[in-house]
C-alpha atoms as a PDB file:
ATOM      1  CA  MET A   1     251.331  67.778 277.524  1.00  0.00           C
ATOM      2  CA  ALA A   2     252.942  66.133 280.964  1.00  0.00           C
ATOM      3  CA  ASP A   3     250.423  63.371 280.878  1.00  0.00           C
ATOM      4  CA  ILE A   4     251.418  61.897 276.926  1.00  0.00           C
ATOM      5  CA  ARG A   5     255.524  62.521 278.166  1.00  0.00           C
ATOM      6  CA  ARG A   6     254.312  60.086 280.744  1.00  0.00           C
ATOM      7  CA  VAL A   7     252.680  57.574 278.255  1.00  0.00           C
ATOM      8  CA  ARG A   8     255.952  58.026 275.726  1.00  0.00           C
ATOM      9  CA  GLU A   9     258.554  56.716 279.118  1.00  0.00           C
ATOM     10  CA  MET A  10     255.956  53.933 279.922  1.00  0.00           C
ATOM     11  CA  LEU A  11     256.132  52.735 276.002  1.00  0.00           C
ATOM     12  CA  GLU A  12     259.631  53.223 275.567  1.00  0.00           C
ATOM     13  CA  PRO A  13     260.912  49.475 276.919  1.00  0.00           C
ATOM     14  CA  LEU A  14     257.786  47.993 274.889  1.00  0.00           C
ATOM     15  CA  ALA A  15     259.148  49.774 271.593  1.00  0.00           C
ATOM     16  CA  ARG A  16     262.211  47.061 272.171  1.00  0.00           C
ATOM     17  CA  HIS A  17     260.331  43.787 272.656  1.00  0.00           C
ATOM     18  CA  SER A  18     260.791  41.105 271.528  1.00  0.00           C
ATOM     19  CA  ASP A  19     257.720  40.578 270.449  1.00  0.00           C
ATOM     20  CA  PRO A  20     257.561  41.974 266.548  1.00  0.00           C
ATOM     21  CA  ASP A  21     253.647  42.239 267.143  1.00  0.00           C
ATOM     22  CA  VAL A  22     254.383  44.105 270.352  1.00  0.00           C
ATOM     23  CA  ARG A  23     256.517  46.537 268.716  1.00  0.00           C
ATOM     24  CA  ASP A  24     254.439  47.099 265.575  1.00  0.00           C
ATOM     25  CA  ARG A  25     251.229  47.542 268.043  1.00  0.00           C
ATOM     26  CA  VAL A  26     253.943  50.292 270.367  1.00  0.00           C
ATOM     27  CA  ALA A  27     254.644  52.092 267.149  1.00  0.00           C
ATOM     28  CA  ALA A  28     251.179  52.575 265.809  1.00  0.00           C
ATOM     29  CA  VAL A  29     250.391  54.461 269.908  1.00  0.00           C
ATOM     30  CA  MET A  30     253.332  56.542 269.465  1.00  0.00           C
ATOM     31  CA  ARG A  31     252.856  57.887 266.099  1.00  0.00           C
ATOM     32  CA  LEU A  32     249.637  58.764 267.506  1.00  0.00           C
ATOM     33  CA  LEU A  33     250.666  60.788 270.207  1.00  0.00           C
ATOM     34  CA  GLU A  34     253.070  62.368 267.860  1.00  0.00           C
ATOM     35  CA  SER A  35     249.772  63.137 265.591  1.00  0.00           C
ATOM     36  CA  ALA A  36     247.647  64.610 269.234  1.00  0.00           C
ATOM     37  CA  PRO A  37     247.208  68.035 269.701  1.00  0.00           C
ATOM     38  CA  GLU A  38     249.289  69.988 273.157  1.00  0.00           C
ATOM     39  CA  PRO A  39     246.666  70.667 275.377  1.00  0.00           C
ATOM     40  CA  ALA A  40     247.398  74.263 276.951  1.00  0.00           C
ATOM     41  CA  GLY A  41     250.127  75.103 279.275  1.00  0.00           C
ATOM     42  CA  LEU A  42     250.681  76.584 281.766  1.00  0.00           C
ATOM     43  CA  ILE A  43     250.295  79.790 279.777  1.00  0.00           C
ATOM     44  CA  PRO A  44     247.687  79.712 277.752  1.00  0.00           C
ATOM     45  CA  ALA A  45     246.904  81.921 274.193  1.00  0.00           C
ATOM     46  CA  HIS A  46     246.450  85.515 275.047  1.00  0.00           C
ATOM     47  CA  GLY A  47     246.724  89.142 274.515  1.00  0.00           C
ATOM     48  CA  ASP A  48     244.881  88.831 271.008  1.00  0.00           C
ATOM     49  CA  TYR A  49     242.288  91.898 272.118  1.00  0.00           C
ATOM     50  CA  ARG A  50     242.105  93.264 268.204  1.00  0.00           C
ATOM     51  CA  LYS A  51     240.237  90.293 267.152  1.00  0.00           C
ATOM     52  CA  LEU A  52     237.829  91.333 270.599  1.00  0.00           C
ATOM     53  CA  ALA A  53     234.696  92.731 269.038  1.00  0.00           C
ATOM     54  CA  SER A  54     234.525  94.143 272.420  1.00  0.00           C
ATOM     55  CA  TYR A  55     237.290  96.204 271.475  1.00  0.00           C
ATOM     56  CA  ILE A  56     236.848  96.527 267.720  1.00  0.00           C
ATOM     57  CA  VAL A  57     233.645  98.656 269.602  1.00  0.00           C
ATOM     58  CA  ALA A  58     235.139 100.411 271.990  1.00  0.00           C
ATOM     59  CA  GLU A  59     237.792 102.058 269.721  1.00  0.00           C
ATOM     60  CA  ILE A  60     235.245 102.859 266.886  1.00  0.00           C
ATOM     61  CA  VAL A  61     233.778 104.870 270.300  1.00  0.00           C
ATOM     62  CA  PHE A  62     236.998 106.513 270.900  1.00  0.00           C
ATOM     63  CA  ASP A  63     237.532 107.484 267.127  1.00  0.00           C
ATOM     64  CA  ALA A  64     233.765 108.888 267.165  1.00  0.00           C
ATOM     65  CA  THR A  65     234.547 110.803 270.133  1.00  0.00           C
ATOM     66  CA  LEU A  66     237.696 113.033 269.467  1.00  0.00           C
ATOM     67  CA  VAL A  67     236.016 114.032 266.133  1.00  0.00           C
ATOM     68  CA  PHE A  68     232.148 114.737 268.435  1.00  0.00           C
ATOM     69  CA  CYS A  69     234.666 116.684 271.387  1.00  0.00           C
ATOM     70  CA  GLU A  70     236.711 118.866 268.114  1.00  0.00           C
ATOM     71  CA  ARG A  71     233.152 119.710 266.828  1.00  0.00           C
ATOM     72  CA  PHE A  72     230.853 119.987 268.897  1.00  0.00           C
ATOM     73  CA  VAL A  73     232.840 120.565 272.973  1.00  0.00           C
ATOM     74  CA  ASP A  74     235.254 123.251 274.136  1.00  0.00           C
ATOM     75  CA  PRO A  75     238.485 121.626 274.325  1.00  0.00           C
ATOM     76  CA  ARG A  76     239.313 123.865 277.379  1.00  0.00           C
ATOM     77  CA  SER A  77     236.629 122.462 279.080  1.00  0.00           C
ATOM     78  CA  ARG A  78     236.650 119.747 281.663  1.00  0.00           C
ATOM     79  CA  THR A  79     233.957 118.063 279.802  1.00  0.00           C
ATOM     80  CA  TYR A  80     236.239 117.341 277.054  1.00  0.00           C
ATOM     81  CA  ASP A  81     239.130 116.102 278.922  1.00  0.00           C
ATOM     82  CA  GLN A  82     236.642 113.499 280.251  1.00  0.00           C
ATOM     83  CA  MET A  83     234.881 112.549 277.810  1.00  0.00           C
ATOM     84  CA  VAL A  84     237.690 111.618 275.622  1.00  0.00           C
ATOM     85  CA  GLN A  85     239.239 109.526 278.741  1.00  0.00           C
ATOM     86  CA  ALA A  86     236.602 107.765 279.221  1.00  0.00           C
ATOM     87  CA  ALA A  87     236.759 107.129 275.630  1.00  0.00           C
ATOM     88  CA  ARG A  88     240.089 106.043 276.077  1.00  0.00           C
ATOM     89  CA  SER A  89     239.564 103.911 278.576  1.00  0.00           C
ATOM     90  CA  GLY A  90     237.575 101.891 277.879  1.00  0.00           C
ATOM     91  CA  LYS A  91     238.917 100.382 274.468  1.00  0.00           C
ATOM     92  CA  GLN A  92     242.338 100.654 277.158  1.00  0.00           C
ATOM     93  CA  ASN A  93     241.318  98.361 279.653  1.00  0.00           C
ATOM     94  CA  ILE A  94     239.689  96.024 277.409  1.00  0.00           C
ATOM     95  CA  ALA A  95     243.186  95.702 275.875  1.00  0.00           C
ATOM     96  CA  GLU A  96     244.434  95.213 278.715  1.00  0.00           C
ATOM     97  CA  GLY A  97     242.523  92.798 280.151  1.00  0.00           C
ATOM     98  CA  SER A  98     243.052  90.552 277.030  1.00  0.00           C
ATOM     99  CA  MET A  99     247.007  90.738 277.288  1.00  0.00           C
ATOM    100  CA  VAL A 100     247.194  89.619 281.327  1.00  0.00           C
ATOM    101  CA  SER A 101     244.299  86.937 281.507  1.00  0.00           C
ATOM    102  CA  GLY A 102     247.501  84.504 280.507  1.00  0.00           C
ATOM    103  CA  THR A 103     248.153  85.154 284.272  1.00  0.00           C
ATOM    104  CA  SER A 104     245.508  86.762 285.747  1.00  0.00           C
ATOM    105  CA  LYS A 105     242.219  86.500 285.354  1.00  0.00           C
ATOM    106  CA  LYS A 106     240.963  88.024 288.118  1.00  0.00           C
ATOM    107  CA  SER A 107     243.015  91.217 286.229  1.00  0.00           C
ATOM    108  CA  GLU A 108     241.499  90.559 283.763  1.00  0.00           C
ATOM    109  CA  LEU A 109     237.940  90.812 285.053  1.00  0.00           C
ATOM    110  CA  LYS A 110     238.312  94.127 286.999  1.00  0.00           C
ATOM    111  CA  LEU A 111     240.155  95.681 284.154  1.00  0.00           C
ATOM    112  CA  THR A 112     237.065  94.833 281.496  1.00  0.00           C
ATOM    113  CA  GLY A 113     234.473  95.967 284.578  1.00  0.00           C
ATOM    114  CA  VAL A 114     236.658  99.315 284.869  1.00  0.00           C
ATOM    115  CA  ALA A 115     236.675  99.048 280.787  1.00  0.00           C
ATOM    116  CA  ARG A 116     232.156  98.766 280.791  1.00  0.00           C
ATOM    117  CA  GLY A 117     232.090 101.575 283.748  1.00  0.00           C
ATOM    118  CA  SER A 118     234.127 104.305 281.734  1.00  0.00           C
ATOM    119  CA  LEU A 119     231.929 102.967 279.006  1.00  0.00           C
ATOM    120  CA  GLU A 120     228.663 104.100 281.166  1.00  0.00           C
ATOM    121  CA  GLU A 121     230.545 106.835 281.554  1.00  0.00           C
ATOM    122  CA  LEU A 122     230.356 108.742 278.751  1.00  0.00           C
ATOM    123  CA  LEU A 123     227.393 107.118 277.859  1.00  0.00           C
ATOM    124  CA  ARG A 124     225.925 109.614 280.335  1.00  0.00           C
ATOM    125  CA  ASP A 125     228.032 112.261 279.101  1.00  0.00           C
ATOM    126  CA  TYR A 126     226.503 112.150 275.713  1.00  0.00           C
ATOM    127  CA  GLU A 127     223.384 111.859 277.468  1.00  0.00           C
ATOM    128  CA  ASP A 128     223.834 114.689 280.063  1.00  0.00           C
ATOM    129  CA  TYR A 129     224.858 116.781 275.697  1.00  0.00           C
ATOM    130  CA  LEU A 130     221.338 115.983 274.307  1.00  0.00           C
ATOM    131  CA  ARG A 131     220.073 117.305 277.107  1.00  0.00           C
ATOM    132  CA  ASN A 132     221.306 120.541 278.098  1.00  0.00           C
ATOM    133  CA  HIS A 133     221.515 120.734 274.234  1.00  0.00           C
ATOM    134  CA  LYS A 134     217.280 120.447 274.046  1.00  0.00           C
ATOM    135  CA  LEU A 135     217.373 117.599 271.608  1.00  0.00           C
ATOM    136  CA  PRO A 136     216.262 114.631 270.877  1.00  0.00           C
ATOM    137  CA  LEU A 137     217.563 111.024 272.413  1.00  0.00           C
ATOM    138  CA  TRP A 138     217.088 108.330 269.567  1.00  0.00           C
ATOM    139  CA  GLY A 139     215.001 105.348 271.014  1.00  0.00           C
ATOM    140  CA  LYS A 140     215.609 102.315 269.878  1.00  0.00           C
ATOM    141  CA  THR A 141     212.338 102.234 266.919  1.00  0.00           C
ATOM    142  CA  HIS A 142     214.204 105.622 265.934  1.00  0.00           C
ATOM    143  CA  PRO A 143     214.281 104.798 262.173  1.00  0.00           C
ATOM    144  CA  LYS A 144     217.779 106.188 261.938  1.00  0.00           C
ATOM    145  CA  ALA A 145     218.247 104.734 264.868  1.00  0.00           C
ATOM    146  CA  GLN A 146     218.311 101.541 263.287  1.00  0.00           C
ATOM    147  CA  ALA A 147     219.285 102.410 260.326  1.00  0.00           C
ATOM    148  CA  VAL A 148     222.582 102.950 262.982  1.00  0.00           C
ATOM    149  CA  ARG A 149     222.398  99.722 264.557  1.00  0.00           C
ATOM    150  CA  ALA A 150     222.300  97.985 260.935  1.00  0.00           C
ATOM    151  CA  LEU A 151     225.686  98.640 260.122  1.00  0.00           C
ATOM    152  CA  ALA A 152     226.973  96.241 263.472  1.00  0.00           C
ATOM    153  CA  ARG A 153     226.387  93.772 260.115  1.00  0.00           C
ATOM    154  CA  ALA A 154     228.887  95.850 258.188  1.00  0.00           C
ATOM    155  CA  GLU A 155     232.421  93.547 257.233  1.00  0.00           C
ATOM    156  CA  ASN A 156     235.344  94.700 258.445  1.00  0.00           C
ATOM    157  CA  ARG A 157     233.953  97.611 260.473  1.00  0.00           C
ATOM    158  CA  SER A 158     235.958 100.812 261.725  1.00  0.00           C
ATOM    159  CA  TYR A 159     235.363 104.210 262.626  1.00  0.00           C
ATOM    160  CA  GLY A 160     234.758 105.197 258.984  1.00  0.00           C
ATOM    161  CA  THR A 161     231.197 102.872 258.835  1.00  0.00           C
ATOM    162  CA  TYR A 162     230.085 106.049 260.890  1.00  0.00           C
ATOM    163  CA  GLU A 163     232.000 108.915 259.865  1.00  0.00           C
ATOM    164  CA  THR A 164     228.952 110.681 257.887  1.00  0.00           C
ATOM    165  CA  TYR A 165     227.448 110.832 261.116  1.00  0.00           C
ATOM    166  CA  VAL A 166     229.895 111.965 263.536  1.00  0.00           C
ATOM    167  CA  LYS A 167     232.301 114.294 261.207  1.00  0.00           C
ATOM    168  CA  ASP A 168     229.320 115.282 258.090  1.00  0.00           C
ATOM    169  CA  GLY A 169     225.725 115.457 260.560  1.00  0.00           C
ATOM    170  CA  THR A 170     224.065 117.394 263.242  1.00  0.00           C
ATOM    171  CA  PRO A 171     225.187 117.437 266.824  1.00  0.00           C
ATOM    172  CA  GLU A 172     222.055 115.442 267.357  1.00  0.00           C
ATOM    173  CA  VAL A 173     223.358 112.646 265.096  1.00  0.00           C
ATOM    174  CA  ALA A 174     226.666 111.977 265.832  1.00  0.00           C
ATOM    175  CA  ALA A 175     226.166 112.078 269.724  1.00  0.00           C
ATOM    176  CA  ASN A 176     222.925 109.718 269.121  1.00  0.00           C
ATOM    177  CA  THR A 177     225.102 107.908 266.345  1.00  0.00           C
ATOM    178  CA  ILE A 178     227.666 107.576 269.509  1.00  0.00           C
ATOM    179  CA  ILE A 179     225.170 106.385 271.828  1.00  0.00           C
ATOM    180  CA  CYS A 180     224.385 103.763 269.964  1.00  0.00           C
ATOM    181  CA  LEU A 181     227.964 102.847 269.569  1.00  0.00           C
ATOM    182  CA  ILE A 182     228.184 102.389 273.572  1.00  0.00           C
ATOM    183  CA  HIS A 183     225.363 100.504 274.002  1.00  0.00           C
ATOM    184  CA  GLN A 184     226.533  98.167 271.071  1.00  0.00           C
ATOM    185  CA  ALA A 185     229.669  98.073 273.474  1.00  0.00           C
ATOM    186  CA  ASN A 186     228.394  97.489 276.692  1.00  0.00           C
ATOM    187  CA  PHE A 187     226.247  94.650 275.647  1.00  0.00           C
ATOM    188  CA  LEU A 188     229.010  92.518 274.340  1.00  0.00           C
ATOM    189  CA  ILE A 189     231.806  93.847 278.065  1.00  0.00           C
ATOM    190  CA  ASP A 190     228.264  92.585 279.066  1.00  0.00           C
ATOM    191  CA  ARG A 191     228.881  89.365 277.364  1.00  0.00           C
ATOM    192  CA  GLN A 192     232.114  89.186 278.087  1.00  0.00           C
ATOM    193  CA  LEU A 193     232.078  89.356 281.748  1.00  0.00           C
ATOM    194  CA  LYS A 194     229.347  86.369 282.346  1.00  0.00           C
ATOM    195  CA  ALA A 195     231.945  84.199 280.274  1.00  0.00           C
ATOM    196  CA  LEU A 196     234.858  85.544 281.583  1.00  0.00           C
ATOM    197  CA  ASP A 197     232.930  84.835 285.122  1.00  0.00           C
ATOM    198  CA  ARG A 198     231.847  81.308 284.025  1.00  0.00           C
ATOM    199  CA  ALA A 199     235.082  80.026 282.533  1.00  0.00           C
ATOM    200  CA  PHE A 200     236.822  81.252 285.860  1.00  0.00           C
ATOM    201  CA  LEU A 201     234.299  79.028 288.295  1.00  0.00           C
ATOM    202  CA  GLU A 202     234.554  76.552 286.140  1.00  0.00           C
ATOM    203  CA  ASN A 203     238.537  76.229 285.425  1.00  0.00           C
ATOM    204  CA  GLY A 204     240.115  78.672 287.983  1.00  0.00           C
ATOM    205  CA  GLY A 205     242.961  80.735 287.853  1.00  0.00           C
ATOM    206  CA  PHE A 206     246.275  80.747 287.035  1.00  0.00           C
ATOM    207  CA  THR A 207     247.299  80.371 290.646  1.00  0.00           C
ATOM    208  CA  GLU A 208     245.017  76.788 290.098  1.00  0.00           C
ATOM    209  CA  ARG A 209     246.309  76.034 287.045  1.00  0.00           C
ATOM    210  CA  LEU A 210     250.183  76.306 288.236  1.00  0.00           C
ATOM    211  CA  TYR A 211     249.009  74.087 291.775  1.00  0.00           C
ATOM    212  CA  ARG A 212     247.091  71.257 289.142  1.00  0.00           C
ATOM    213  CA  MET A 213     250.660  71.373 286.913  1.00  0.00           C
ATOM    214  CA  ARG A 214     252.884  71.188 289.577  1.00  0.00           C
ATOM    215  CA  THR A 215     251.227  68.210 291.502  1.00  0.00           C
ATOM    216  CA  ASP A 216     250.839  66.129 288.545  1.00  0.00           C
ATOM    217  CA  TYR A 217     254.725  67.061 287.724  1.00  0.00           C
ATOM    218  CA  ARG A 218     254.900  65.105 291.418  1.00  0.00           C
ATOM    219  CA  GLN A 219     253.210  62.419 290.801  1.00  0.00           C
ATOM    220  CA  SER A 220     254.775  61.384 287.830  1.00  0.00           C
ATOM    221  CA  LYS A 221     258.274  62.041 289.128  1.00  0.00           C
ATOM    222  CA  GLN A 222     257.167  59.699 292.222  1.00  0.00           C
ATOM    223  CA  ARG A 223     255.375  57.087 289.911  1.00  0.00           C
ATOM    224  CA  GLY A 224     258.729  56.812 288.198  1.00  0.00           C
ATOM    225  CA  THR A 225     260.949  56.156 291.220  1.00  0.00           C
ATOM    226  CA  GLU A 226     258.871  53.493 291.827  1.00  0.00           C
ATOM    227  CA  ALA A 227     259.074  51.695 289.185  1.00  0.00           C
END
């Protein structure tokens, strides 16, 4: 934005040039500048976490865990609280990371990492549940696991996409369905973390953007004074 404004300031004297051909050329350039998209400002767009694939799946995991715990886990037990809190932490930290991303990429990375850790903890709870109740853990090639995984391609998927597996299924079906969903969420978060790492290394964070913009501003003022 500062660069475009600086070019406009430099062209304004030429817009009053005595030569009509010069004035026409300057007017054409000014029109192009007016139609040019504005570059990202100091604080880029952020906070649209509901469109993140990782958040969408983490929210399904949370909703499904609430139903699972209500059906199969003693609400007075510590396990009940741990599973619900881990599921909640998974989705909440993705959302919070997105909200702070405009001013702190470091915090976004940290919170997204916390979400990943919470879902990994939840995964172990479900695996423990299956083991302690002597129920099988589905492998990737299990027909029912493949059916659940295929639902990832469903349009506008939500908890409702998996409700029959969780709300009406046996403990084995419900737990394994949610395990499949946690694996999907973890895969998406891992990919998100890699993208955040790469973007941070290439573009820096808020402090670097602030420094660059202040430097550009000072240089533009200095050039204006010298002119």
